[in-house]
Amino acid sequence: MAPMDPPAALQRAVRWLRRLTRRELEEICDTRRRQTDGGEGLLLSAQTAAAGLVRILGVDHPRAHPFADRPVDWAGVVTVGV
């Protein structure tokens, strides 16, 4: 992928976050956990992350988009000094 200017990169990141499904977030959590602590429990497991999403955001379906309708999670993304 070619380098992007900062505003385009941020716009792409916001689109990705808004389209992220609960299942994809669980997979990211599991992958990151294995990469960081070898699955020893220092980071949240996918099940713990999913339980938190259900409790905090009311997202209980694996294909739900937990951040799509919550601009509070991504609206603060800005560039400075561009």
Protein backbone atom coordinates (compact mmCIF):
# COMPACT_ATOMS: atom_id res chain seq x y z
CA MET A 1 0.00 0.00 0.00
CA ALA A 2 1.26 3.44 -0.90
CA PRO A 3 1.83 6.03 1.84
CA MET A 4 -1.15 8.25 2.57
CA ASP A 5 -1.35 11.81 3.68
CA PRO A 6 -2.46 12.07 7.35
CA PRO A 7 -6.08 13.21 6.75
CA ALA A 8 -6.68 10.34 4.30
CA ALA A 9 -5.06 7.84 6.69
CA LEU A 10 -7.24 9.02 9.57
CA GLN A 11 -10.36 8.88 7.42
CA ARG A 12 -9.48 5.32 6.45
CA ALA A 13 -8.88 4.35 10.09
CA VAL A 14 -12.24 5.82 11.16
CA ARG A 15 -14.03 3.91 8.38
CA TRP A 16 -12.29 0.71 9.49
CA LEU A 17 -13.29 1.24 13.12
CA ARG A 18 -16.91 1.99 12.21
CA ARG A 19 -17.10 -1.17 10.07
CA LEU A 20 -15.33 -3.42 12.57
CA THR A 21 -17.54 -6.28 13.76
CA ARG A 22 -17.57 -7.76 17.22
CA ARG A 23 -16.19 -11.03 15.81
CA GLU A 24 -13.28 -9.19 14.14
CA LEU A 25 -12.55 -7.36 17.39
CA GLU A 26 -12.47 -10.70 19.25
CA GLU A 27 -10.01 -12.06 16.68
CA ILE A 28 -7.80 -8.99 17.06
CA CYS A 29 -7.85 -9.38 20.84
CA ASP A 30 -6.91 -13.05 20.60
CA THR A 31 -4.12 -12.42 18.08
CA ARG A 32 -2.70 -9.52 20.08
CA ARG A 33 -2.89 -11.53 23.29
CA ARG A 34 -0.94 -14.41 21.76
CA GLN A 35 1.66 -12.05 20.27
CA THR A 36 2.15 -10.11 23.49
CA ASP A 37 1.91 -12.53 26.37
CA GLY A 38 1.76 -15.97 24.83
CA GLY A 39 -1.79 -16.44 26.04
CA GLU A 40 -0.76 -16.19 29.70
CA GLY A 41 -3.62 -13.88 30.56
CA LEU A 42 -1.90 -10.51 30.82
CA LEU A 43 -4.22 -9.06 28.19
CA LEU A 44 -7.97 -9.48 27.79
CA SER A 45 -9.17 -12.67 26.19
CA ALA A 46 -11.65 -12.44 23.33
CA GLN A 47 -14.37 -13.74 25.62
CA THR A 48 -13.65 -11.03 28.20
CA ALA A 49 -13.57 -8.35 25.50
CA ALA A 50 -16.85 -9.62 24.05
CA ALA A 51 -18.46 -9.66 27.49
CA GLY A 52 -17.34 -6.07 27.99
CA LEU A 53 -18.84 -5.04 24.65
CA VAL A 54 -22.14 -6.63 25.57
CA ARG A 55 -22.14 -4.98 29.00
CA ILE A 56 -20.96 -1.51 27.95
CA LEU A 57 -22.26 -1.16 24.40
CA GLY A 58 -25.10 -3.67 24.31
CA VAL A 59 -23.43 -5.50 21.41
CA ASP A 60 -24.25 -9.18 21.65
CA HIS A 61 -24.27 -10.33 18.01
CA PRO A 62 -20.93 -11.42 16.46
CA ARG A 63 -21.65 -9.43 13.27
CA ALA A 64 -22.68 -6.29 15.12
CA HIS A 65 -20.63 -3.14 14.57
CA PRO A 66 -19.95 -1.88 18.09
CA PHE A 67 -18.43 1.44 17.05
CA ALA A 68 -20.62 2.33 14.05
CA ASP A 69 -23.19 4.37 15.94
CA ARG A 70 -20.90 5.66 18.69
CA PRO A 71 -19.09 8.73 17.39
CA VAL A 72 -17.71 9.24 20.89
CA ASP A 73 -15.31 6.36 20.09
CA TRP A 74 -13.90 7.82 16.90
CA ALA A 75 -14.98 11.45 16.52
CA GLY A 76 -11.94 12.73 18.42
CA VAL A 77 -9.54 11.51 15.71
CA VAL A 78 -7.77 14.60 14.36
CA THR A 79 -4.55 15.65 12.69
CA VAL A 80 -2.42 18.48 14.03
CA GLY A 81 0.21 20.41 12.18
CA VAL A 82 -0.57 18.97 8.77
